[in-house]
Amino acid sequence: MIIVLKPDASEEQIRHMVEKVKGLGLSVHLSKGAERSIIGAIGDEALLTSIPLETFPGVEKVMPILKPYKLVSREFQQENTVIDVKGVKIGGNEIQVIAGPCSIENAKNVLEVAMEVKKSGATILRGGAFKPRTSPYDFQGLGAEGLEYLKAAGKEAQLPVITEIMDPRDLELICENADIIQVGARNMQNFMLLKEIGKTDKPVLLKRGLCATIKEFLMSAEYIASQGNRKIILCERGIRTYDTETRNTLDLSAVPVIKSLSHLPVVVDPSHAVGKWSLVAAMSKAAIAAGADGLMIEVHANPEEALCDGAQSLKPRKFDLLMKELKRIANAVDRDI
């Protein structure tokens, strides 16, 4: 249920309404917009039907939330959510570019890439310390040591950093070293992990599962939001289809569809979607044209020797050229990059 408050509702009236809803045993989520505030009452809505909520001081109207994903829906919040990560705003008019190696291999390599992508205009540094691999014999990442290298490289390049979490037992360690927590496609429906992340105040980038519908994707975001953390960035990274020409099939239609259904920012990962560096540029441009709020692009100084996903990584020079081309696409759709 959404309780829309009048523009001139006082803090006392808002507090009274919140206490009333909480007293019924419902979960309360207050959203303060530019023009008015909204109270989301989550739980058994039958408890509210016997109360004339619209007669309460400061209440303008009461509406049911029809979508199963309550807190992340456009019904709950009309305005786009903008997430500020050390001054980098994701979800606003400026398109943010997350770039870096798939996995952190050593301190030297991640620092070299960090300086290069910063010079080209990237605003967030990515790097995997814990790597989910299909084979248990493939490189699994450096773990805590890799996190130290990533944090140091981000500090040197003056870039916020993002890294993937696989185990809730690593949550505290990752929160100490990273600015954004990444939940990979394979963990999109790891609901216990999502709930633990939801108890933190850290921004989280949630990737769409390999075979997940958009509804399932948004329901996973709801798991995080239901625990109190609404700093959620959604990431389309391709889904599994019958085609084998690319690693996955990049569902760019998901960008405008999700933005019509949810107020959360949406970024696109063309690197994991296509699996071929030669296709990354085209898909990056298309993602911006489709309305993406950001891109996540893999960059490696020497992809031929990369321990993970070298085939889809751009060399720094190619990345620099792409960033110049992306500026023209962004300008064509009245956005900045």
C-alpha atoms as a PDB file:
ATOM      1  CA  MET A   1       0.000   0.000   0.000  1.00  0.00           C
ATOM      2  CA  ILE A   2       1.229   3.514  -0.855  1.00  0.00           C
ATOM      3  CA  ILE A   3       0.215   6.414   1.353  1.00  0.00           C
ATOM      4  CA  VAL A   4       0.794   9.644  -0.580  1.00  0.00           C
ATOM      5  CA  LEU A   5       1.222  12.637   1.698  1.00  0.00           C
ATOM      6  CA  LYS A   6       0.255  16.200   0.881  1.00  0.00           C
ATOM      7  CA  PRO A   7       3.073  18.559  -0.188  1.00  0.00           C
ATOM      8  CA  ASP A   8       2.605  20.563   3.022  1.00  0.00           C
ATOM      9  CA  ALA A   9       2.483  17.546   5.362  1.00  0.00           C
ATOM     10  CA  SER A  10       4.378  18.353   8.551  1.00  0.00           C
ATOM     11  CA  GLU A  11       7.066  16.176  10.115  1.00  0.00           C
ATOM     12  CA  GLU A  12       4.723  15.535  13.027  1.00  0.00           C
ATOM     13  CA  GLN A  13       1.974  14.309  10.691  1.00  0.00           C
ATOM     14  CA  ILE A  14       4.422  12.042   8.866  1.00  0.00           C
ATOM     15  CA  ARG A  15       5.733  10.639  12.137  1.00  0.00           C
ATOM     16  CA  HIS A  16       2.176   9.995  13.364  1.00  0.00           C
ATOM     17  CA  MET A  17       1.300   8.119  10.169  1.00  0.00           C
ATOM     18  CA  VAL A  18       4.484   6.038  10.323  1.00  0.00           C
ATOM     19  CA  GLU A  19       3.838   5.078  13.946  1.00  0.00           C
ATOM     20  CA  LYS A  20       0.248   4.108  13.109  1.00  0.00           C
ATOM     21  CA  VAL A  21       1.336   1.781  10.294  1.00  0.00           C
ATOM     22  CA  LYS A  22       4.129   0.254  12.372  1.00  0.00           C
ATOM     23  CA  GLY A  23       1.635  -0.333  15.162  1.00  0.00           C
ATOM     24  CA  LEU A  24      -0.280  -2.647  12.849  1.00  0.00           C
ATOM     25  CA  GLY A  25       2.806  -4.804  12.427  1.00  0.00           C
ATOM     26  CA  LEU A  26       3.594  -3.633   8.900  1.00  0.00           C
ATOM     27  CA  SER A  27       6.993  -2.692   7.527  1.00  0.00           C
ATOM     28  CA  VAL A  28       7.310   1.023   6.774  1.00  0.00           C
ATOM     29  CA  HIS A  29       9.464   2.578   4.062  1.00  0.00           C
ATOM     30  CA  LEU A  30       9.471   6.366   3.841  1.00  0.00           C
ATOM     31  CA  SER A  31      10.450   7.988   0.545  1.00  0.00           C
ATOM     32  CA  LYS A  32      10.911  11.753   0.492  1.00  0.00           C
ATOM     33  CA  GLY A  33      10.718  13.210  -3.007  1.00  0.00           C
ATOM     34  CA  ALA A  34      11.256  16.718  -4.290  1.00  0.00           C
ATOM     35  CA  GLU A  35       7.558  17.599  -4.101  1.00  0.00           C
ATOM     36  CA  ARG A  36       6.015  15.175  -1.608  1.00  0.00           C
ATOM     37  CA  SER A  37       6.674  12.210   0.637  1.00  0.00           C
ATOM     38  CA  ILE A  38       5.348   8.677   0.243  1.00  0.00           C
ATOM     39  CA  ILE A  39       4.943   5.994   2.879  1.00  0.00           C
ATOM     40  CA  GLY A  40       5.131   2.417   1.684  1.00  0.00           C
ATOM     41  CA  ALA A  41       3.293   0.005   3.973  1.00  0.00           C
ATOM     42  CA  ILE A  42       4.554  -3.506   3.244  1.00  0.00           C
ATOM     43  CA  GLY A  43       2.846  -6.593   4.621  1.00  0.00           C
ATOM     44  CA  ASP A  44      -0.747  -7.774   5.014  1.00  0.00           C
ATOM     45  CA  GLU A  45      -2.702  -4.914   3.437  1.00  0.00           C
ATOM     46  CA  ALA A  46      -5.925  -6.314   4.892  1.00  0.00           C
ATOM     47  CA  LEU A  47      -4.816  -4.807   8.204  1.00  0.00           C
ATOM     48  CA  LEU A  48      -5.166  -1.335   6.677  1.00  0.00           C
ATOM     49  CA  THR A  49      -8.586  -1.735   5.091  1.00  0.00           C
ATOM     50  CA  SER A  50     -10.496  -1.090   8.306  1.00  0.00           C
ATOM     51  CA  ILE A  51      -8.685   2.198   8.929  1.00  0.00           C
ATOM     52  CA  PRO A  52      -9.798   5.351   7.062  1.00  0.00           C
ATOM     53  CA  LEU A  53      -6.241   6.358   6.192  1.00  0.00           C
ATOM     54  CA  GLU A  54      -7.298   9.162   3.864  1.00  0.00           C
ATOM     55  CA  THR A  55      -8.871  11.011   6.801  1.00  0.00           C
ATOM     56  CA  PHE A  56      -5.544  11.282   8.621  1.00  0.00           C
ATOM     57  CA  PRO A  57      -3.976  14.771   8.690  1.00  0.00           C
ATOM     58  CA  GLY A  58      -1.439  15.238   5.899  1.00  0.00           C
ATOM     59  CA  VAL A  59      -2.638  12.279   3.792  1.00  0.00           C
ATOM     60  CA  GLU A  60      -3.590  13.029   0.178  1.00  0.00           C
ATOM     61  CA  LYS A  61      -4.520   9.566  -1.102  1.00  0.00           C
ATOM     62  CA  VAL A  62      -3.951   5.855  -0.568  1.00  0.00           C
ATOM     63  CA  MET A  63      -3.208   3.409  -3.394  1.00  0.00           C
ATOM     64  CA  PRO A  64      -2.400  -0.294  -3.573  1.00  0.00           C
ATOM     65  CA  ILE A  65       0.947  -1.397  -5.038  1.00  0.00           C
ATOM     66  CA  LEU A  66      -0.003  -3.861  -7.750  1.00  0.00           C
ATOM     67  CA  LYS A  67       3.480  -5.122  -8.610  1.00  0.00           C
ATOM     68  CA  PRO A  68       4.903  -7.978  -6.514  1.00  0.00           C
ATOM     69  CA  TYR A  69       8.151  -6.005  -6.256  1.00  0.00           C
ATOM     70  CA  LYS A  70       6.927  -3.193  -4.038  1.00  0.00           C
ATOM     71  CA  LEU A  71       9.837  -0.979  -3.005  1.00  0.00           C
ATOM     72  CA  VAL A  72      11.729  -1.001  -6.310  1.00  0.00           C
ATOM     73  CA  SER A  73       8.655  -0.280  -8.461  1.00  0.00           C
ATOM     74  CA  ARG A  74       7.678   2.949 -10.182  1.00  0.00           C
ATOM     75  CA  GLU A  75       4.404   2.730  -8.281  1.00  0.00           C
ATOM     76  CA  PHE A  76       6.261   3.253  -5.038  1.00  0.00           C
ATOM     77  CA  GLN A  77       8.594   5.972  -6.342  1.00  0.00           C
ATOM     78  CA  GLN A  78       8.110   7.985  -9.515  1.00  0.00           C
ATOM     79  CA  GLU A  79      11.431   9.830  -9.423  1.00  0.00           C
ATOM     80  CA  ASN A  80      14.566   8.076 -10.660  1.00  0.00           C
ATOM     81  CA  THR A  81      16.843   6.911  -7.874  1.00  0.00           C
ATOM     82  CA  VAL A  82      20.283   8.513  -8.083  1.00  0.00           C
ATOM     83  CA  ILE A  83      23.030   6.762  -6.113  1.00  0.00           C
ATOM     84  CA  ASP A  84      26.015   8.829  -5.024  1.00  0.00           C
ATOM     85  CA  VAL A  85      29.271   6.894  -4.697  1.00  0.00           C
ATOM     86  CA  LYS A  86      32.030   9.256  -3.563  1.00  0.00           C
ATOM     87  CA  GLY A  87      30.636  12.000  -5.787  1.00  0.00           C
ATOM     88  CA  VAL A  88      29.946   9.708  -8.757  1.00  0.00           C
ATOM     89  CA  LYS A  89      26.192   9.857  -9.345  1.00  0.00           C
ATOM     90  CA  ILE A  90      24.622   6.791 -10.942  1.00  0.00           C
ATOM     91  CA  GLY A  91      21.131   7.263 -12.343  1.00  0.00           C
ATOM     92  CA  GLY A  92      21.307  10.936 -13.239  1.00  0.00           C
ATOM     93  CA  ASN A  93      21.898  12.599 -16.591  1.00  0.00           C
ATOM     94  CA  GLU A  94      25.596  11.647 -16.643  1.00  0.00           C
ATOM     95  CA  ILE A  95      26.385   8.136 -17.881  1.00  0.00           C
ATOM     96  CA  GLN A  96      28.983   6.471 -15.664  1.00  0.00           C
ATOM     97  CA  VAL A  97      31.559   4.001 -16.992  1.00  0.00           C
ATOM     98  CA  ILE A  98      32.865   1.201 -14.771  1.00  0.00           C
ATOM     99  CA  ALA A  99      36.088  -0.244 -16.177  1.00  0.00           C
ATOM    100  CA  GLY A 100      38.953  -2.500 -15.200  1.00  0.00           C
ATOM    101  CA  PRO A 101      40.201  -6.085 -15.334  1.00  0.00           C
ATOM    102  CA  CYS A 102      37.895  -9.056 -14.856  1.00  0.00           C
ATOM    103  CA  SER A 103      40.130 -10.376 -12.093  1.00  0.00           C
ATOM    104  CA  ILE A 104      42.873  -8.825  -9.982  1.00  0.00           C
ATOM    105  CA  GLU A 105      46.063 -10.682 -10.859  1.00  0.00           C
ATOM    106  CA  ASN A 106      48.678  -8.580  -9.075  1.00  0.00           C
ATOM    107  CA  ALA A 107      49.182  -5.071  -7.722  1.00  0.00           C
ATOM    108  CA  LYS A 108      51.085  -3.792 -10.757  1.00  0.00           C
ATOM    109  CA  ASN A 109      48.520  -4.789 -13.383  1.00  0.00           C
ATOM    110  CA  VAL A 110      45.456  -3.444 -11.603  1.00  0.00           C
ATOM    111  CA  LEU A 111      47.181  -0.128 -10.866  1.00  0.00           C
ATOM    112  CA  GLU A 112      48.313   0.209 -14.485  1.00  0.00           C
ATOM    113  CA  VAL A 113      44.784  -0.360 -15.769  1.00  0.00           C
ATOM    114  CA  ALA A 114      43.299   1.948 -13.124  1.00  0.00           C
ATOM    115  CA  MET A 115      45.468   4.857 -14.238  1.00  0.00           C
ATOM    116  CA  GLU A 116      44.720   4.206 -17.916  1.00  0.00           C
ATOM    117  CA  VAL A 117      40.931   4.004 -17.590  1.00  0.00           C
ATOM    118  CA  LYS A 118      40.864   7.056 -15.321  1.00  0.00           C
ATOM    119  CA  LYS A 119      42.774   8.987 -17.973  1.00  0.00           C
ATOM    120  CA  SER A 120      40.224   7.928 -20.598  1.00  0.00           C
ATOM    121  CA  GLY A 121      37.237   9.038 -18.527  1.00  0.00           C
ATOM    122  CA  ALA A 122      36.093   5.992 -16.530  1.00  0.00           C
ATOM    123  CA  THR A 123      34.552   6.947 -13.198  1.00  0.00           C
ATOM    124  CA  ILE A 124      34.613   3.627 -11.290  1.00  0.00           C
ATOM    125  CA  LEU A 125      37.267   0.885 -11.149  1.00  0.00           C
ATOM    126  CA  ARG A 126      36.209  -2.766 -11.300  1.00  0.00           C
ATOM    127  CA  GLY A 127      38.196  -5.830 -10.372  1.00  0.00           C
ATOM    128  CA  GLY A 128      37.372  -9.317  -9.133  1.00  0.00           C
ATOM    129  CA  ALA A 129      39.051 -10.646  -5.984  1.00  0.00           C
ATOM    130  CA  PHE A 130      36.686 -13.596  -5.555  1.00  0.00           C
ATOM    131  CA  LYS A 131      35.877 -15.173  -8.923  1.00  0.00           C
ATOM    132  CA  PRO A 132      32.928 -17.508  -9.601  1.00  0.00           C
ATOM    133  CA  ARG A 133      34.202 -19.891 -12.299  1.00  0.00           C
ATOM    134  CA  THR A 134      32.431 -22.677 -14.143  1.00  0.00           C
ATOM    135  CA  SER A 135      35.361 -25.017 -13.527  1.00  0.00           C
ATOM    136  CA  PRO A 136      36.768 -25.519 -10.014  1.00  0.00           C
ATOM    137  CA  TYR A 137      40.233 -25.762 -11.597  1.00  0.00           C
ATOM    138  CA  ASP A 138      40.184 -22.265 -13.126  1.00  0.00           C
ATOM    139  CA  PHE A 139      41.721 -19.224 -11.417  1.00  0.00           C
ATOM    140  CA  GLN A 140      39.458 -18.333  -8.476  1.00  0.00           C
ATOM    141  CA  GLY A 141      40.917 -14.921  -7.648  1.00  0.00           C
ATOM    142  CA  LEU A 142      43.372 -13.686  -5.012  1.00  0.00           C
ATOM    143  CA  GLY A 143      40.766 -13.138  -2.306  1.00  0.00           C
ATOM    144  CA  ALA A 144      41.668 -10.734   0.496  1.00  0.00           C
ATOM    145  CA  GLU A 145      45.047  -9.997  -1.088  1.00  0.00           C
ATOM    146  CA  GLY A 146      43.320  -8.935  -4.302  1.00  0.00           C
ATOM    147  CA  LEU A 147      40.998  -6.640  -2.368  1.00  0.00           C
ATOM    148  CA  GLU A 148      44.001  -4.825  -0.932  1.00  0.00           C
ATOM    149  CA  TYR A 149      45.438  -4.324  -4.423  1.00  0.00           C
ATOM    150  CA  LEU A 150      42.083  -3.038  -5.725  1.00  0.00           C
ATOM    151  CA  LYS A 151      41.619  -0.612  -2.869  1.00  0.00           C
ATOM    152  CA  ALA A 152      45.152   0.727  -3.266  1.00  0.00           C
ATOM    153  CA  ALA A 153      44.739   1.151  -7.039  1.00  0.00           C
ATOM    154  CA  GLY A 154      41.445   2.979  -6.573  1.00  0.00           C
ATOM    155  CA  LYS A 155      43.010   5.306  -4.042  1.00  0.00           C
ATOM    156  CA  GLU A 156      45.953   6.044  -6.326  1.00  0.00           C
ATOM    157  CA  ALA A 157      43.717   6.682  -9.347  1.00  0.00           C
ATOM    158  CA  GLN A 158      41.096   8.467  -7.221  1.00  0.00           C
ATOM    159  CA  LEU A 159      38.329   6.139  -8.377  1.00  0.00           C
ATOM    160  CA  PRO A 160      35.629   4.362  -6.337  1.00  0.00           C
ATOM    161  CA  VAL A 161      35.977   0.581  -6.626  1.00  0.00           C
ATOM    162  CA  ILE A 162      33.542  -2.280  -7.137  1.00  0.00           C
ATOM    163  CA  THR A 163      34.121  -5.987  -6.582  1.00  0.00           C
ATOM    164  CA  GLU A 164      32.006  -9.139  -6.502  1.00  0.00           C
ATOM    165  CA  ILE A 165      30.838 -10.989  -3.415  1.00  0.00           C
ATOM    166  CA  MET A 166      30.213 -14.732  -3.401  1.00  0.00           C
ATOM    167  CA  ASP A 167      30.033 -15.635   0.284  1.00  0.00           C
ATOM    168  CA  PRO A 168      28.155 -13.686   3.002  1.00  0.00           C
ATOM    169  CA  ARG A 169      31.075 -14.459   5.318  1.00  0.00           C
ATOM    170  CA  ASP A 170      33.178 -12.067   3.197  1.00  0.00           C
ATOM    171  CA  LEU A 171      30.662  -9.224   3.445  1.00  0.00           C
ATOM    172  CA  GLU A 172      32.421  -7.300   6.214  1.00  0.00           C
ATOM    173  CA  LEU A 173      35.803  -7.592   4.474  1.00  0.00           C
ATOM    174  CA  ILE A 174      34.383  -6.390   1.150  1.00  0.00           C
ATOM    175  CA  CYS A 175      32.518  -3.502   2.774  1.00  0.00           C
ATOM    176  CA  GLU A 176      35.801  -2.354   4.326  1.00  0.00           C
ATOM    177  CA  ASN A 177      37.666  -2.362   1.008  1.00  0.00           C
ATOM    178  CA  ALA A 178      35.113  -1.642  -1.749  1.00  0.00           C
ATOM    179  CA  ASP A 179      32.701   1.209  -2.435  1.00  0.00           C
ATOM    180  CA  ILE A 180      30.148  -0.912  -4.319  1.00  0.00           C
ATOM    181  CA  ILE A 181      29.260  -4.563  -3.782  1.00  0.00           C
ATOM    182  CA  GLN A 182      28.648  -6.565  -6.950  1.00  0.00           C
ATOM    183  CA  VAL A 183      26.303  -9.544  -6.936  1.00  0.00           C
ATOM    184  CA  GLY A 184      27.077 -11.717  -9.948  1.00  0.00           C
ATOM    185  CA  ALA A 185      24.574 -13.387 -12.250  1.00  0.00           C
ATOM    186  CA  ARG A 186      25.025 -16.781 -10.590  1.00  0.00           C
ATOM    187  CA  ASN A 187      24.083 -15.322  -7.204  1.00  0.00           C
ATOM    188  CA  MET A 188      21.103 -13.235  -8.331  1.00  0.00           C
ATOM    189  CA  GLN A 189      18.768 -15.646  -6.549  1.00  0.00           C
ATOM    190  CA  ASN A 190      21.016 -16.390  -3.583  1.00  0.00           C
ATOM    191  CA  PHE A 191      18.356 -14.909  -1.316  1.00  0.00           C
ATOM    192  CA  MET A 192      20.262 -15.332   1.950  1.00  0.00           C
ATOM    193  CA  LEU A 193      23.181 -13.402   0.472  1.00  0.00           C
ATOM    194  CA  LEU A 194      20.827 -10.694  -0.834  1.00  0.00           C
ATOM    195  CA  LYS A 195      19.219 -10.285   2.574  1.00  0.00           C
ATOM    196  CA  GLU A 196      22.592  -9.909   4.285  1.00  0.00           C
ATOM    197  CA  ILE A 197      23.632  -7.256   1.752  1.00  0.00           C
ATOM    198  CA  GLY A 198      20.294  -5.540   2.326  1.00  0.00           C
ATOM    199  CA  LYS A 199      21.235  -4.992   5.967  1.00  0.00           C
ATOM    200  CA  THR A 200      24.225  -2.865   4.939  1.00  0.00           C
ATOM    201  CA  ASP A 201      24.275   0.718   3.726  1.00  0.00           C
ATOM    202  CA  LYS A 202      26.654  -0.066   0.832  1.00  0.00           C
ATOM    203  CA  PRO A 203      25.601   0.543  -2.787  1.00  0.00           C
ATOM    204  CA  VAL A 204      25.109  -2.763  -4.585  1.00  0.00           C
ATOM    205  CA  LEU A 205      25.207  -3.653  -8.263  1.00  0.00           C
ATOM    206  CA  LEU A 206      22.915  -6.600  -8.949  1.00  0.00           C
ATOM    207  CA  LYS A 207      23.466  -8.533 -12.179  1.00  0.00           C
ATOM    208  CA  ARG A 208      20.636 -10.267 -13.991  1.00  0.00           C
ATOM    209  CA  GLY A 209      20.755 -14.059 -13.812  1.00  0.00           C
ATOM    210  CA  LEU A 210      21.618 -16.143 -16.850  1.00  0.00           C
ATOM    211  CA  CYS A 211      18.012 -17.301 -17.377  1.00  0.00           C
ATOM    212  CA  ALA A 212      16.111 -14.798 -15.235  1.00  0.00           C
ATOM    213  CA  THR A 213      13.004 -12.990 -16.379  1.00  0.00           C
ATOM    214  CA  ILE A 214      12.765  -9.264 -15.715  1.00  0.00           C
ATOM    215  CA  LYS A 215      10.197  -9.942 -13.004  1.00  0.00           C
ATOM    216  CA  GLU A 216      12.549 -12.387 -11.275  1.00  0.00           C
ATOM    217  CA  PHE A 217      15.359  -9.835 -11.598  1.00  0.00           C
ATOM    218  CA  LEU A 218      13.293  -7.138  -9.910  1.00  0.00           C
ATOM    219  CA  MET A 219      12.117  -9.535  -7.211  1.00  0.00           C
ATOM    220  CA  SER A 220      15.776 -10.186  -6.352  1.00  0.00           C
ATOM    221  CA  ALA A 221      16.311  -6.435  -6.030  1.00  0.00           C
ATOM    222  CA  GLU A 222      13.260  -6.382  -3.746  1.00  0.00           C
ATOM    223  CA  TYR A 223      14.997  -8.839  -1.404  1.00  0.00           C
ATOM    224  CA  ILE A 224      17.774  -6.278  -0.898  1.00  0.00           C
ATOM    225  CA  ALA A 225      15.417  -3.313  -0.584  1.00  0.00           C
ATOM    226  CA  SER A 226      13.152  -5.137   1.886  1.00  0.00           C
ATOM    227  CA  GLN A 227      16.030  -5.227   4.380  1.00  0.00           C
ATOM    228  CA  GLY A 228      16.514  -1.449   4.234  1.00  0.00           C
ATOM    229  CA  ASN A 229      19.173  -0.955   1.546  1.00  0.00           C
ATOM    230  CA  ARG A 230      17.713   0.833  -1.476  1.00  0.00           C
ATOM    231  CA  LYS A 231      21.067   1.808  -3.031  1.00  0.00           C
ATOM    232  CA  ILE A 232      20.614  -0.745  -5.798  1.00  0.00           C
ATOM    233  CA  ILE A 233      22.003  -0.595  -9.340  1.00  0.00           C
ATOM    234  CA  LEU A 234      20.595  -3.116 -11.809  1.00  0.00           C
ATOM    235  CA  CYS A 235      22.893  -4.606 -14.440  1.00  0.00           C
ATOM    236  CA  GLU A 236      21.857  -6.276 -17.697  1.00  0.00           C
ATOM    237  CA  ARG A 237      24.687  -8.620 -18.725  1.00  0.00           C
ATOM    238  CA  GLY A 238      23.080 -10.897 -21.270  1.00  0.00           C
ATOM    239  CA  ILE A 239      20.902 -13.960 -20.897  1.00  0.00           C
ATOM    240  CA  ARG A 240      21.286 -17.537 -22.095  1.00  0.00           C
ATOM    241  CA  THR A 241      19.512 -18.400 -25.362  1.00  0.00           C
ATOM    242  CA  TYR A 242      19.943 -21.071 -28.041  1.00  0.00           C
ATOM    243  CA  ASP A 243      22.423 -18.933 -30.005  1.00  0.00           C
ATOM    244  CA  THR A 244      26.123 -19.689 -29.687  1.00  0.00           C
ATOM    245  CA  GLU A 245      27.708 -16.906 -31.741  1.00  0.00           C
ATOM    246  CA  THR A 246      28.126 -14.782 -28.612  1.00  0.00           C
ATOM    247  CA  ARG A 247      28.732 -15.760 -24.996  1.00  0.00           C
ATOM    248  CA  ASN A 248      25.209 -14.639 -24.073  1.00  0.00           C
ATOM    249  CA  THR A 249      22.424 -12.704 -25.780  1.00  0.00           C
ATOM    250  CA  LEU A 250      22.432  -9.067 -24.704  1.00  0.00           C
ATOM    251  CA  ASP A 251      18.824  -8.094 -23.980  1.00  0.00           C
ATOM    252  CA  LEU A 252      18.922  -4.354 -24.617  1.00  0.00           C
ATOM    253  CA  SER A 253      15.128  -4.181 -24.574  1.00  0.00           C
ATOM    254  CA  ALA A 254      15.451  -4.884 -20.859  1.00  0.00           C
ATOM    255  CA  VAL A 255      16.856  -1.376 -20.321  1.00  0.00           C
ATOM    256  CA  PRO A 256      13.751   0.648 -21.286  1.00  0.00           C
ATOM    257  CA  VAL A 257      11.442  -2.065 -19.921  1.00  0.00           C
ATOM    258  CA  ILE A 258      13.081  -2.033 -16.493  1.00  0.00           C
ATOM    259  CA  LYS A 259      13.214   1.762 -16.415  1.00  0.00           C
ATOM    260  CA  SER A 260       9.456   1.840 -17.048  1.00  0.00           C
ATOM    261  CA  LEU A 261       8.832  -0.606 -14.196  1.00  0.00           C
ATOM    262  CA  SER A 262      11.439   0.509 -11.655  1.00  0.00           C
ATOM    263  CA  HIS A 263      13.012   3.722 -10.396  1.00  0.00           C
ATOM    264  CA  LEU A 264      16.425   2.070  -9.971  1.00  0.00           C
ATOM    265  CA  PRO A 265      19.361   2.922 -12.279  1.00  0.00           C
ATOM    266  CA  VAL A 266      20.270   0.403 -14.984  1.00  0.00           C
ATOM    267  CA  VAL A 267      23.753  -0.268 -16.358  1.00  0.00           C
ATOM    268  CA  VAL A 268      24.828  -2.660 -19.110  1.00  0.00           C
ATOM    269  CA  ASP A 269      27.794  -5.040 -19.149  1.00  0.00           C
ATOM    270  CA  PRO A 270      28.545  -5.639 -22.859  1.00  0.00           C
ATOM    271  CA  SER A 271      31.776  -7.500 -22.111  1.00  0.00           C
ATOM    272  CA  HIS A 272      30.132 -10.471 -20.387  1.00  0.00           C
ATOM    273  CA  ALA A 273      27.179 -10.334 -22.732  1.00  0.00           C
ATOM    274  CA  VAL A 274      29.061 -10.871 -26.005  1.00  0.00           C
ATOM    275  CA  GLY A 275      32.318 -12.445 -24.805  1.00  0.00           C
ATOM    276  CA  LYS A 276      34.270 -10.950 -27.730  1.00  0.00           C
ATOM    277  CA  TRP A 277      36.204  -7.704 -27.462  1.00  0.00           C
ATOM    278  CA  SER A 278      35.433  -6.835 -31.106  1.00  0.00           C
ATOM    279  CA  LEU A 279      31.710  -6.556 -30.296  1.00  0.00           C
ATOM    280  CA  VAL A 280      31.985  -4.557 -27.089  1.00  0.00           C
ATOM    281  CA  ALA A 281      32.110  -1.144 -28.760  1.00  0.00           C
ATOM    282  CA  ALA A 282      28.951  -1.666 -30.833  1.00  0.00           C
ATOM    283  CA  MET A 283      26.974  -2.972 -27.858  1.00  0.00           C
ATOM    284  CA  SER A 284      28.213  -0.135 -25.628  1.00  0.00           C
ATOM    285  CA  LYS A 285      26.927   2.438 -28.103  1.00  0.00           C
ATOM    286  CA  ALA A 286      23.615   0.617 -28.452  1.00  0.00           C
ATOM    287  CA  ALA A 287      23.241   0.451 -24.660  1.00  0.00           C
ATOM    288  CA  ILE A 288      23.574   4.212 -24.349  1.00  0.00           C
ATOM    289  CA  ALA A 289      21.053   4.729 -27.138  1.00  0.00           C
ATOM    290  CA  ALA A 290      18.667   2.383 -25.299  1.00  0.00           C
ATOM    291  CA  GLY A 291      18.842   4.558 -22.180  1.00  0.00           C
ATOM    292  CA  ALA A 292      21.416   2.844 -19.954  1.00  0.00           C
ATOM    293  CA  ASP A 293      22.682   4.867 -16.999  1.00  0.00           C
ATOM    294  CA  GLY A 294      26.120   3.314 -17.192  1.00  0.00           C
ATOM    295  CA  LEU A 295      28.414   0.702 -18.707  1.00  0.00           C
ATOM    296  CA  MET A 296      30.666  -1.949 -17.207  1.00  0.00           C
ATOM    297  CA  ILE A 297      33.586  -2.690 -19.523  1.00  0.00           C
ATOM    298  CA  GLU A 298      36.508  -5.041 -19.009  1.00  0.00           C
ATOM    299  CA  VAL A 299      39.944  -3.580 -19.734  1.00  0.00           C
ATOM    300  CA  HIS A 300      43.274  -5.419 -19.485  1.00  0.00           C
ATOM    301  CA  ALA A 301      46.769  -4.245 -20.426  1.00  0.00           C
ATOM    302  CA  ASN A 302      47.623  -7.616 -21.965  1.00  0.00           C
ATOM    303  CA  PRO A 303      44.457  -9.658 -22.659  1.00  0.00           C
ATOM    304  CA  GLU A 304      46.458 -12.475 -24.254  1.00  0.00           C
ATOM    305  CA  GLU A 305      47.908 -13.308 -20.843  1.00  0.00           C
ATOM    306  CA  ALA A 306      44.825 -12.542 -18.720  1.00  0.00           C
ATOM    307  CA  LEU A 307      43.942 -15.203 -16.165  1.00  0.00           C
ATOM    308  CA  CYS A 308      40.221 -14.623 -16.733  1.00  0.00           C
ATOM    309  CA  ASP A 309      38.079 -13.471 -19.694  1.00  0.00           C
ATOM    310  CA  GLY A 310      40.911 -12.098 -21.812  1.00  0.00           C
ATOM    311  CA  ALA A 311      38.892 -12.662 -25.019  1.00  0.00           C
ATOM    312  CA  GLN A 312      36.339 -10.022 -24.040  1.00  0.00           C
ATOM    313  CA  SER A 313      38.731  -7.430 -22.600  1.00  0.00           C
ATOM    314  CA  LEU A 314      39.701  -4.234 -24.388  1.00  0.00           C
ATOM    315  CA  LYS A 315      43.249  -2.972 -24.357  1.00  0.00           C
ATOM    316  CA  PRO A 316      43.610   0.527 -22.857  1.00  0.00           C
ATOM    317  CA  ARG A 317      44.106   2.123 -26.290  1.00  0.00           C
ATOM    318  CA  LYS A 318      40.892   0.573 -27.626  1.00  0.00           C
ATOM    319  CA  PHE A 319      39.049   1.656 -24.504  1.00  0.00           C
ATOM    320  CA  ASP A 320      40.277   5.216 -24.937  1.00  0.00           C
ATOM    321  CA  LEU A 321      39.012   5.321 -28.523  1.00  0.00           C
ATOM    322  CA  LEU A 322      35.665   3.884 -27.451  1.00  0.00           C
ATOM    323  CA  MET A 323      35.223   6.530 -24.748  1.00  0.00           C
ATOM    324  CA  LYS A 324      35.649   9.255 -27.345  1.00  0.00           C
ATOM    325  CA  GLU A 325      33.023   7.626 -29.560  1.00  0.00           C
ATOM    326  CA  LEU A 326      30.624   7.152 -26.655  1.00  0.00           C
ATOM    327  CA  LYS A 327      30.634  10.890 -25.955  1.00  0.00           C
ATOM    328  CA  ARG A 328      29.042  11.497 -29.353  1.00  0.00           C
ATOM    329  CA  ILE A 329      26.351   8.879 -28.745  1.00  0.00           C
ATOM    330  CA  ALA A 330      25.604  10.327 -25.305  1.00  0.00           C
ATOM    331  CA  ASN A 331      25.308  13.830 -26.715  1.00  0.00           C
ATOM    332  CA  ALA A 332      22.889  12.574 -29.374  1.00  0.00           C
ATOM    333  CA  VAL A 333      20.486  11.396 -26.653  1.00  0.00           C
ATOM    334  CA  ASP A 334      20.955  14.572 -24.542  1.00  0.00           C
ATOM    335  CA  ARG A 335      23.168  12.980 -21.910  1.00  0.00           C
ATOM    336  CA  ASP A 336      26.734  13.415 -20.704  1.00  0.00           C
ATOM    337  CA  ILE A 337      29.544  10.930 -20.220  1.00  0.00           C
END
